[in-house]
Amino acid sequence: MTNVNQNMAKVFKALSNEQRLNLFKMIYYWEKTIDSNMCCGVNKAFSKACECMNLSKSTISHHLKELQNANLVICEREGQTLTCQVNKELISSIKIFFD
């Protein structure tokens, strides 16, 4: 299997979990709808993600780690603040993969 296929398999495996798929969609949606002056992704919205999905913080953290391992999101931590963004390059690669 080629590297591209291996990477795509990793992406789709990460998204095969319904909770992770919903979390990814939530991050994607938040990025598209948040004012450019505000923080993007899950920054300061970690608790909101827990509320929206009715999941514990440890479960959300686990899912974010899996999304990050699949390179679907890019996360950075500054103190208590976690910022996650959708990896737009990977999304472009997925689109190209199917062309």
PDB file of N, CA and C in Angstrom:
ATOM      1  N   MET A   1       0.854  -1.182   0.000  1.00  0.00           N
ATOM      2  CA  MET A   1       0.000   0.000   0.000  1.00  0.00           C
ATOM      3  C   MET A   1       0.898   1.243   0.000  1.00  0.00           C
ATOM      4  N   THR A   2       0.555   2.218  -0.803  1.00  0.00           N
ATOM      5  CA  THR A   2       1.360   3.436  -0.895  1.00  0.00           C
ATOM      6  C   THR A   2       1.176   4.296   0.345  1.00  0.00           C
ATOM      7  N   ASN A   3       2.098   5.237   0.531  1.00  0.00           N
ATOM      8  CA  ASN A   3       1.992   6.171   1.658  1.00  0.00           C
ATOM      9  C   ASN A   3       0.691   6.948   1.626  1.00  0.00           C
ATOM     10  N   VAL A   4       0.277   7.364   0.434  1.00  0.00           N
ATOM     11  CA  VAL A   4      -0.967   8.126   0.300  1.00  0.00           C
ATOM     12  C   VAL A   4      -2.137   7.283   0.792  1.00  0.00           C
ATOM     13  N   ASN A   5      -2.185   6.033   0.358  1.00  0.00           N
ATOM     14  CA  ASN A   5      -3.266   5.148   0.792  1.00  0.00           C
ATOM     15  C   ASN A   5      -3.211   4.904   2.292  1.00  0.00           C
ATOM     16  N   GLN A   6      -2.004   4.746   2.848  1.00  0.00           N
ATOM     17  CA  GLN A   6      -1.859   4.547   4.287  1.00  0.00           C
ATOM     18  C   GLN A   6      -2.363   5.767   5.054  1.00  0.00           C
ATOM     19  N   ASN A   7      -2.011   6.946   4.571  1.00  0.00           N
ATOM     20  CA  ASN A   7      -2.455   8.179   5.227  1.00  0.00           C
ATOM     21  C   ASN A   7      -3.973   8.326   5.155  1.00  0.00           C
ATOM     22  N   MET A   8      -4.535   8.014   3.997  1.00  0.00           N
ATOM     23  CA  MET A   8      -5.988   8.115   3.843  1.00  0.00           C
ATOM     24  C   MET A   8      -6.698   7.088   4.729  1.00  0.00           C
ATOM     25  N   ALA A   9      -6.134   5.893   4.835  1.00  0.00           N
ATOM     26  CA  ALA A   9      -6.720   4.869   5.700  1.00  0.00           C
ATOM     27  C   ALA A   9      -6.727   5.347   7.148  1.00  0.00           C
ATOM     28  N   LYS A  10      -5.665   6.010   7.560  1.00  0.00           N
ATOM     29  CA  LYS A  10      -5.560   6.549   8.927  1.00  0.00           C
ATOM     30  C   LYS A  10      -6.626   7.625   9.166  1.00  0.00           C
ATOM     31  N   VAL A  11      -6.828   8.475   8.170  1.00  0.00           N
ATOM     32  CA  VAL A  11      -7.833   9.541   8.254  1.00  0.00           C
ATOM     33  C   VAL A  11      -9.230   8.938   8.392  1.00  0.00           C
ATOM     34  N   PHE A  12      -9.541   8.006   7.504  1.00  0.00           N
ATOM     35  CA  PHE A  12     -10.887   7.433   7.515  1.00  0.00           C
ATOM     36  C   PHE A  12     -11.125   6.565   8.748  1.00  0.00           C
ATOM     37  N   LYS A  13     -10.080   5.948   9.251  1.00  0.00           N
ATOM     38  CA  LYS A  13     -10.217   5.171  10.485  1.00  0.00           C
ATOM     39  C   LYS A  13     -10.552   6.106  11.650  1.00  0.00           C
ATOM     40  N   ALA A  14      -9.871   7.249  11.706  1.00  0.00           N
ATOM     41  CA  ALA A  14     -10.148   8.216  12.773  1.00  0.00           C
ATOM     42  C   ALA A  14     -11.577   8.733  12.677  1.00  0.00           C
ATOM     43  N   LEU A  15     -12.047   8.958  11.461  1.00  0.00           N
ATOM     44  CA  LEU A  15     -13.394   9.495  11.274  1.00  0.00           C
ATOM     45  C   LEU A  15     -14.481   8.421  11.323  1.00  0.00           C
ATOM     46  N   SER A  16     -14.085   7.156  11.417  1.00  0.00           N
ATOM     47  CA  SER A  16     -15.080   6.091  11.468  1.00  0.00           C
ATOM     48  C   SER A  16     -15.787   6.021  12.817  1.00  0.00           C
ATOM     49  N   ASN A  17     -15.212   6.677  13.824  1.00  0.00           N
ATOM     50  CA  ASN A  17     -15.861   6.764  15.130  1.00  0.00           C
ATOM     51  C   ASN A  17     -16.854   7.929  15.078  1.00  0.00           C
ATOM     52  N   GLU A  18     -18.105   7.668  15.383  1.00  0.00           N
ATOM     53  CA  GLU A  18     -19.151   8.688  15.253  1.00  0.00           C
ATOM     54  C   GLU A  18     -18.887   9.920  16.120  1.00  0.00           C
ATOM     55  N   GLN A  19     -18.402   9.709  17.329  1.00  0.00           N
ATOM     56  CA  GLN A  19     -18.126  10.857  18.212  1.00  0.00           C
ATOM     57  C   GLN A  19     -16.998  11.716  17.651  1.00  0.00           C
ATOM     58  N   ARG A  20     -15.943  11.068  17.128  1.00  0.00           N
ATOM     59  CA  ARG A  20     -14.838  11.830  16.538  1.00  0.00           C
ATOM     60  C   ARG A  20     -15.295  12.559  15.294  1.00  0.00           C
ATOM     61  N   LEU A  21     -16.118  11.901  14.492  1.00  0.00           N
ATOM     62  CA  LEU A  21     -16.640  12.544  13.284  1.00  0.00           C
ATOM     63  C   LEU A  21     -17.442  13.784  13.669  1.00  0.00           C
ATOM     64  N   ASN A  22     -18.292  13.656  14.676  1.00  0.00           N
ATOM     65  CA  ASN A  22     -19.079  14.809  15.135  1.00  0.00           C
ATOM     66  C   ASN A  22     -18.194  15.919  15.679  1.00  0.00           C
ATOM     67  N   LEU A  23     -17.155  15.556  16.431  1.00  0.00           N
ATOM     68  CA  LEU A  23     -16.231  16.561  16.964  1.00  0.00           C
ATOM     69  C   LEU A  23     -15.503  17.260  15.826  1.00  0.00           C
ATOM     70  N   PHE A  24     -15.043  16.502  14.847  1.00  0.00           N
ATOM     71  CA  PHE A  24     -14.361  17.089  13.692  1.00  0.00           C
ATOM     72  C   PHE A  24     -15.288  18.045  12.947  1.00  0.00           C
ATOM     73  N   LYS A  25     -16.517  17.614  12.719  1.00  0.00           N
ATOM     74  CA  LYS A  25     -17.491  18.473  12.041  1.00  0.00           C
ATOM     75  C   LYS A  25     -17.746  19.744  12.850  1.00  0.00           C
ATOM     76  N   MET A  26     -17.787  19.624  14.167  1.00  0.00           N
ATOM     77  CA  MET A  26     -18.011  20.782  15.025  1.00  0.00           C
ATOM     78  C   MET A  26     -16.855  21.781  14.887  1.00  0.00           C
ATOM     79  N   ILE A  27     -15.621  21.283  14.928  1.00  0.00           N
ATOM     80  CA  ILE A  27     -14.452  22.155  14.778  1.00  0.00           C
ATOM     81  C   ILE A  27     -14.478  22.821  13.407  1.00  0.00           C
ATOM     82  N   TYR A  28     -14.770  22.036  12.384  1.00  0.00           N
ATOM     83  CA  TYR A  28     -14.841  22.552  11.020  1.00  0.00           C
ATOM     84  C   TYR A  28     -15.894  23.657  10.927  1.00  0.00           C
ATOM     85  N   TYR A  29     -17.062  23.413  11.504  1.00  0.00           N
ATOM     86  CA  TYR A  29     -18.145  24.391  11.471  1.00  0.00           C
ATOM     87  C   TYR A  29     -17.757  25.651  12.247  1.00  0.00           C
ATOM     88  N   TRP A  30     -17.183  25.475  13.439  1.00  0.00           N
ATOM     89  CA  TRP A  30     -16.788  26.631  14.248  1.00  0.00           C
ATOM     90  C   TRP A  30     -15.786  27.498  13.500  1.00  0.00           C
ATOM     91  N   GLU A  31     -14.841  26.879  12.820  1.00  0.00           N
ATOM     92  CA  GLU A  31     -13.857  27.651  12.059  1.00  0.00           C
ATOM     93  C   GLU A  31     -14.517  28.468  10.962  1.00  0.00           C
ATOM     94  N   LYS A  32     -15.507  27.893  10.317  1.00  0.00           N
ATOM     95  CA  LYS A  32     -16.178  28.590   9.224  1.00  0.00           C
ATOM     96  C   LYS A  32     -17.079  29.723   9.708  1.00  0.00           C
ATOM     97  N   THR A  33     -17.591  29.629  10.937  1.00  0.00           N
ATOM     98  CA  THR A  33     -18.582  30.592  11.390  1.00  0.00           C
ATOM     99  C   THR A  33     -18.072  31.606  12.401  1.00  0.00           C
ATOM    100  N   ILE A  34     -16.871  31.403  12.918  1.00  0.00           N
ATOM    101  CA  ILE A  34     -16.359  32.318  13.947  1.00  0.00           C
ATOM    102  C   ILE A  34     -15.807  33.569  13.301  1.00  0.00           C
ATOM    103  N   ASP A  35     -16.087  34.701  13.910  1.00  0.00           N
ATOM    104  CA  ASP A  35     -15.591  36.000  13.483  1.00  0.00           C
ATOM    105  C   ASP A  35     -14.058  35.950  13.441  1.00  0.00           C
ATOM    106  N   SER A  36     -13.464  36.576  12.444  1.00  0.00           N
ATOM    107  CA  SER A  36     -12.013  36.539  12.295  1.00  0.00           C
ATOM    108  C   SER A  36     -11.273  37.171  13.471  1.00  0.00           C
ATOM    109  N   ASN A  37     -11.938  38.012  14.254  1.00  0.00           N
ATOM    110  CA  ASN A  37     -11.307  38.625  15.424  1.00  0.00           C
ATOM    111  C   ASN A  37     -11.292  37.683  16.621  1.00  0.00           C
ATOM    112  N   MET A  38     -12.084  36.630  16.535  1.00  0.00           N
ATOM    113  CA  MET A  38     -12.175  35.690  17.649  1.00  0.00           C
ATOM    114  C   MET A  38     -11.206  34.535  17.429  1.00  0.00           C
ATOM    115  N   CYS A  39     -11.091  33.693  18.426  1.00  0.00           N
ATOM    116  CA  CYS A  39     -10.240  32.507  18.336  1.00  0.00           C
ATOM    117  C   CYS A  39     -10.908  31.490  17.426  1.00  0.00           C
ATOM    118  N   CYS A  40     -10.115  30.666  16.827  1.00  0.00           N
ATOM    119  CA  CYS A  40     -10.691  29.668  15.923  1.00  0.00           C
ATOM    120  C   CYS A  40     -10.645  28.283  16.554  1.00  0.00           C
ATOM    121  N   GLY A  41     -11.310  27.349  15.899  1.00  0.00           N
ATOM    122  CA  GLY A  41     -11.300  25.975  16.356  1.00  0.00           C
ATOM    123  C   GLY A  41     -11.935  25.793  17.708  1.00  0.00           C
ATOM    124  N   VAL A  42     -11.258  25.064  18.566  1.00  0.00           N
ATOM    125  CA  VAL A  42     -11.816  24.711  19.861  1.00  0.00           C
ATOM    126  C   VAL A  42     -11.281  25.624  20.958  1.00  0.00           C
ATOM    127  N   ASN A  43     -10.502  26.626  20.608  1.00  0.00           N
ATOM    128  CA  ASN A  43      -9.952  27.530  21.606  1.00  0.00           C
ATOM    129  C   ASN A  43     -11.064  28.111  22.469  1.00  0.00           C
ATOM    130  N   LYS A  44     -10.968  27.916  23.768  1.00  0.00           N
ATOM    131  CA  LYS A  44     -11.940  28.390  24.749  1.00  0.00           C
ATOM    132  C   LYS A  44     -13.326  27.788  24.540  1.00  0.00           C
ATOM    133  N   ALA A  45     -13.439  26.783  23.687  1.00  0.00           N
ATOM    134  CA  ALA A  45     -14.732  26.142  23.436  1.00  0.00           C
ATOM    135  C   ALA A  45     -14.680  24.671  23.821  1.00  0.00           C
ATOM    136  N   PHE A  46     -13.617  24.279  24.507  1.00  0.00           N
ATOM    137  CA  PHE A  46     -13.449  22.886  24.914  1.00  0.00           C
ATOM    138  C   PHE A  46     -14.633  22.443  25.766  1.00  0.00           C
ATOM    139  N   SER A  47     -14.996  23.270  26.742  1.00  0.00           N
ATOM    140  CA  SER A  47     -16.145  22.946  27.593  1.00  0.00           C
ATOM    141  C   SER A  47     -17.428  22.914  26.784  1.00  0.00           C
ATOM    142  N   LYS A  48     -17.525  23.814  25.803  1.00  0.00           N
ATOM    143  CA  LYS A  48     -18.701  23.838  24.939  1.00  0.00           C
ATOM    144  C   LYS A  48     -18.813  22.533  24.156  1.00  0.00           C
ATOM    145  N   ALA A  49     -17.677  22.025  23.687  1.00  0.00           N
ATOM    146  CA  ALA A  49     -17.674  20.743  22.964  1.00  0.00           C
ATOM    147  C   ALA A  49     -18.158  19.634  23.886  1.00  0.00           C
ATOM    148  N   CYS A  50     -17.704  19.668  25.146  1.00  0.00           N
ATOM    149  CA  CYS A  50     -18.145  18.658  26.113  1.00  0.00           C
ATOM    150  C   CYS A  50     -19.654  18.741  26.316  1.00  0.00           C
ATOM    151  N   GLU A  51     -20.171  19.963  26.432  1.00  0.00           N
ATOM    152  CA  GLU A  51     -21.616  20.163  26.621  1.00  0.00           C
ATOM    153  C   GLU A  51     -22.396  19.727  25.384  1.00  0.00           C
ATOM    154  N   CYS A  52     -21.949  20.177  24.222  1.00  0.00           N
ATOM    155  CA  CYS A  52     -22.668  19.878  22.980  1.00  0.00           C
ATOM    156  C   CYS A  52     -22.737  18.378  22.720  1.00  0.00           C
ATOM    157  N   MET A  53     -21.662  17.695  23.045  1.00  0.00           N
ATOM    158  CA  MET A  53     -21.595  16.272  22.739  1.00  0.00           C
ATOM    159  C   MET A  53     -21.937  15.404  23.946  1.00  0.00           C
ATOM    160  N   ASN A  54     -22.157  16.049  25.093  1.00  0.00           N
ATOM    161  CA  ASN A  54     -22.484  15.335  26.326  1.00  0.00           C
ATOM    162  C   ASN A  54     -21.425  14.272  26.635  1.00  0.00           C
ATOM    163  N   LEU A  55     -20.146  14.686  26.522  1.00  0.00           N
ATOM    164  CA  LEU A  55     -19.030  13.791  26.791  1.00  0.00           C
ATOM    165  C   LEU A  55     -18.117  14.428  27.838  1.00  0.00           C
ATOM    166  N   SER A  56     -17.361  13.602  28.516  1.00  0.00           N
ATOM    167  CA  SER A  56     -16.425  14.107  29.521  1.00  0.00           C
ATOM    168  C   SER A  56     -15.230  14.774  28.841  1.00  0.00           C
ATOM    169  N   LYS A  57     -14.528  15.593  29.602  1.00  0.00           N
ATOM    170  CA  LYS A  57     -13.338  16.255  29.062  1.00  0.00           C
ATOM    171  C   LYS A  57     -12.283  15.242  28.651  1.00  0.00           C
ATOM    172  N   SER A  58     -12.165  14.156  29.425  1.00  0.00           N
ATOM    173  CA  SER A  58     -11.154  13.153  29.073  1.00  0.00           C
ATOM    174  C   SER A  58     -11.504  12.467  27.751  1.00  0.00           C
ATOM    175  N   THR A  59     -12.790  12.253  27.493  1.00  0.00           N
ATOM    176  CA  THR A  59     -13.213  11.629  26.230  1.00  0.00           C
ATOM    177  C   THR A  59     -12.961  12.577  25.066  1.00  0.00           C
ATOM    178  N   ILE A  60     -13.299  13.855  25.247  1.00  0.00           N
ATOM    179  CA  ILE A  60     -13.027  14.857  24.201  1.00  0.00           C
ATOM    180  C   ILE A  60     -11.531  14.927  23.936  1.00  0.00           C
ATOM    181  N   SER A  61     -10.727  14.934  25.003  1.00  0.00           N
ATOM    182  CA  SER A  61      -9.266  14.970  24.843  1.00  0.00           C
ATOM    183  C   SER A  61      -8.776  13.774  24.043  1.00  0.00           C
ATOM    184  N   HIS A  62      -9.302  12.611  24.354  1.00  0.00           N
ATOM    185  CA  HIS A  62      -8.914  11.393  23.624  1.00  0.00           C
ATOM    186  C   HIS A  62      -9.257  11.523  22.143  1.00  0.00           C
ATOM    187  N   HIS A  63     -10.467  11.974  21.852  1.00  0.00           N
ATOM    188  CA  HIS A  63     -10.877  12.111  20.456  1.00  0.00           C
ATOM    189  C   HIS A  63     -10.039  13.159  19.724  1.00  0.00           C
ATOM    190  N   LEU A  64      -9.723  14.261  20.398  1.00  0.00           N
ATOM    191  CA  LEU A  64      -8.869  15.280  19.776  1.00  0.00           C
ATOM    192  C   LEU A  64      -7.484  14.701  19.475  1.00  0.00           C
ATOM    193  N   LYS A  65      -6.972  13.900  20.394  1.00  0.00           N
ATOM    194  CA  LYS A  65      -5.661  13.279  20.185  1.00  0.00           C
ATOM    195  C   LYS A  65      -5.700  12.350  18.972  1.00  0.00           C
ATOM    196  N   GLU A  66      -6.777  11.593  18.823  1.00  0.00           N
ATOM    197  CA  GLU A  66      -6.919  10.704  17.666  1.00  0.00           C
ATOM    198  C   GLU A  66      -7.026  11.500  16.365  1.00  0.00           C
ATOM    199  N   LEU A  67      -7.776  12.600  16.391  1.00  0.00           N
ATOM    200  CA  LEU A  67      -7.886  13.459  15.204  1.00  0.00           C
ATOM    201  C   LEU A  67      -6.538  14.078  14.866  1.00  0.00           C
ATOM    202  N   GLN A  68      -5.806  14.442  15.909  1.00  0.00           N
ATOM    203  CA  GLN A  68      -4.479  15.023  15.702  1.00  0.00           C
ATOM    204  C   GLN A  68      -3.510  13.968  15.162  1.00  0.00           C
ATOM    205  N   ASN A  69      -3.565  12.753  15.676  1.00  0.00           N
ATOM    206  CA  ASN A  69      -2.692  11.673  15.192  1.00  0.00           C
ATOM    207  C   ASN A  69      -2.964  11.346  13.724  1.00  0.00           C
ATOM    208  N   ALA A  70      -4.205  11.538  13.295  1.00  0.00           N
ATOM    209  CA  ALA A  70      -4.572  11.312  11.893  1.00  0.00           C
ATOM    210  C   ALA A  70      -4.282  12.543  11.046  1.00  0.00           C
ATOM    211  N   ASN A  71      -3.756  13.585  11.688  1.00  0.00           N
ATOM    212  CA  ASN A  71      -3.387  14.838  11.011  1.00  0.00           C
ATOM    213  C   ASN A  71      -4.604  15.616  10.510  1.00  0.00           C
ATOM    214  N   LEU A  72      -5.780  15.318  11.048  1.00  0.00           N
ATOM    215  CA  LEU A  72      -7.000  16.030  10.659  1.00  0.00           C
ATOM    216  C   LEU A  72      -7.099  17.391  11.318  1.00  0.00           C
ATOM    217  N   VAL A  73      -6.562  17.507  12.521  1.00  0.00           N
ATOM    218  CA  VAL A  73      -6.559  18.790  13.220  1.00  0.00           C
ATOM    219  C   VAL A  73      -5.151  19.088  13.701  1.00  0.00           C
ATOM    220  N   ILE A  74      -4.882  20.367  13.844  1.00  0.00           N
ATOM    221  CA  ILE A  74      -3.609  20.846  14.383  1.00  0.00           C
ATOM    222  C   ILE A  74      -3.944  21.527  15.706  1.00  0.00           C
ATOM    223  N   CYS A  75      -3.385  21.001  16.782  1.00  0.00           N
ATOM    224  CA  CYS A  75      -3.686  21.526  18.121  1.00  0.00           C
ATOM    225  C   CYS A  75      -2.439  22.129  18.744  1.00  0.00           C
ATOM    226  N   GLU A  76      -2.638  23.228  19.420  1.00  0.00           N
ATOM    227  CA  GLU A  76      -1.558  23.883  20.164  1.00  0.00           C
ATOM    228  C   GLU A  76      -2.086  24.229  21.536  1.00  0.00           C
ATOM    229  N   ARG A  77      -1.244  24.033  22.544  1.00  0.00           N
ATOM    230  CA  ARG A  77      -1.628  24.346  23.916  1.00  0.00           C
ATOM    231  C   ARG A  77      -0.797  25.512  24.408  1.00  0.00           C
ATOM    232  N   GLU A  78      -1.480  26.491  24.993  1.00  0.00           N
ATOM    233  CA  GLU A  78      -0.844  27.620  25.668  1.00  0.00           C
ATOM    234  C   GLU A  78      -1.424  27.674  27.060  1.00  0.00           C
ATOM    235  N   GLY A  79      -0.690  27.153  28.029  1.00  0.00           N
ATOM    236  CA  GLY A  79      -1.215  27.094  29.388  1.00  0.00           C
ATOM    237  C   GLY A  79      -2.436  26.194  29.437  1.00  0.00           C
ATOM    238  N   GLN A  80      -3.554  26.752  29.902  1.00  0.00           N
ATOM    239  CA  GLN A  80      -4.801  26.000  30.005  1.00  0.00           C
ATOM    240  C   GLN A  80      -5.618  26.027  28.719  1.00  0.00           C
ATOM    241  N   THR A  81      -5.174  26.796  27.742  1.00  0.00           N
ATOM    242  CA  THR A  81      -5.948  26.985  26.518  1.00  0.00           C
ATOM    243  C   THR A  81      -5.483  26.028  25.421  1.00  0.00           C
ATOM    244  N   LEU A  82      -6.424  25.319  24.833  1.00  0.00           N
ATOM    245  CA  LEU A  82      -6.139  24.423  23.719  1.00  0.00           C
ATOM    246  C   LEU A  82      -6.776  25.009  22.465  1.00  0.00           C
ATOM    247  N   THR A  83      -5.961  25.197  21.447  1.00  0.00           N
ATOM    248  CA  THR A  83      -6.443  25.705  20.164  1.00  0.00           C
ATOM    249  C   THR A  83      -6.311  24.600  19.130  1.00  0.00           C
ATOM    250  N   CYS A  84      -7.406  24.290  18.465  1.00  0.00           N
ATOM    251  CA  CYS A  84      -7.386  23.275  17.409  1.00  0.00           C
ATOM    252  C   CYS A  84      -7.968  23.871  16.142  1.00  0.00           C
ATOM    253  N   GLN A  85      -7.329  23.530  15.044  1.00  0.00           N
ATOM    254  CA  GLN A  85      -7.810  23.968  13.744  1.00  0.00           C
ATOM    255  C   GLN A  85      -7.822  22.776  12.799  1.00  0.00           C
ATOM    256  N   VAL A  86      -8.723  22.810  11.862  1.00  0.00           N
ATOM    257  CA  VAL A  86      -8.765  21.784  10.829  1.00  0.00           C
ATOM    258  C   VAL A  86      -7.523  21.953   9.955  1.00  0.00           C
ATOM    259  N   ASN A  87      -6.891  20.848   9.616  1.00  0.00           N
ATOM    260  CA  ASN A  87      -5.734  20.861   8.733  1.00  0.00           C
ATOM    261  C   ASN A  87      -6.241  20.987   7.299  1.00  0.00           C
ATOM    262  N   LYS A  88      -6.241  22.203   6.804  1.00  0.00           N
ATOM    263  CA  LYS A  88      -6.797  22.483   5.476  1.00  0.00           C
ATOM    264  C   LYS A  88      -6.012  21.799   4.356  1.00  0.00           C
ATOM    265  N   GLU A  89      -4.701  21.626   4.556  1.00  0.00           N
ATOM    266  CA  GLU A  89      -3.892  20.936   3.544  1.00  0.00           C
ATOM    267  C   GLU A  89      -4.342  19.485   3.402  1.00  0.00           C
ATOM    268  N   LEU A  90      -4.644  18.853   4.518  1.00  0.00           N
ATOM    269  CA  LEU A  90      -5.089  17.466   4.458  1.00  0.00           C
ATOM    270  C   LEU A  90      -6.462  17.369   3.780  1.00  0.00           C
ATOM    271  N   ILE A  91      -7.334  18.320   4.095  1.00  0.00           N
ATOM    272  CA  ILE A  91      -8.661  18.322   3.462  1.00  0.00           C
ATOM    273  C   ILE A  91      -8.506  18.446   1.952  1.00  0.00           C
ATOM    274  N   SER A  92      -7.590  19.300   1.511  1.00  0.00           N
ATOM    275  CA  SER A  92      -7.319  19.438   0.074  1.00  0.00           C
ATOM    276  C   SER A  92      -6.789  18.132  -0.504  1.00  0.00           C
ATOM    277  N   SER A  93      -5.917  17.460   0.249  1.00  0.00           N
ATOM    278  CA  SER A  93      -5.363  16.183  -0.208  1.00  0.00           C
ATOM    279  C   SER A  93      -6.445  15.124  -0.357  1.00  0.00           C
ATOM    280  N   ILE A  94      -7.418  15.143   0.559  1.00  0.00           N
ATOM    281  CA  ILE A  94      -8.516  14.177   0.482  1.00  0.00           C
ATOM    282  C   ILE A  94      -9.322  14.423  -0.782  1.00  0.00           C
ATOM    283  N   LYS A  95      -9.580  15.694  -1.084  1.00  0.00           N
ATOM    284  CA  LYS A  95     -10.332  16.018  -2.298  1.00  0.00           C
ATOM    285  C   LYS A  95      -9.576  15.550  -3.542  1.00  0.00           C
ATOM    286  N   ILE A  96      -8.264  15.779  -3.570  1.00  0.00           N
ATOM    287  CA  ILE A  96      -7.429  15.387  -4.710  1.00  0.00           C
ATOM    288  C   ILE A  96      -7.387  13.856  -4.825  1.00  0.00           C
ATOM    289  N   PHE A  97      -7.370  13.180  -3.684  1.00  0.00           N
ATOM    290  CA  PHE A  97      -7.308  11.714  -3.645  1.00  0.00           C
ATOM    291  C   PHE A  97      -8.447  11.090  -4.442  1.00  0.00           C
ATOM    292  N   PHE A  98      -9.615  11.731  -4.420  1.00  0.00           N
ATOM    293  CA  PHE A  98     -10.782  11.170  -5.090  1.00  0.00           C
ATOM    294  C   PHE A  98     -10.949  11.662  -6.527  1.00  0.00           C
ATOM    295  N   ASP A  99     -10.097  12.557  -6.962  1.00  0.00           N
ATOM    296  CA  ASP A  99     -10.176  13.042  -8.354  1.00  0.00           C
ATOM    297  C   ASP A  99      -9.516  12.097  -9.319  1.00  0.00           C
TER     298      ASP A  99
END
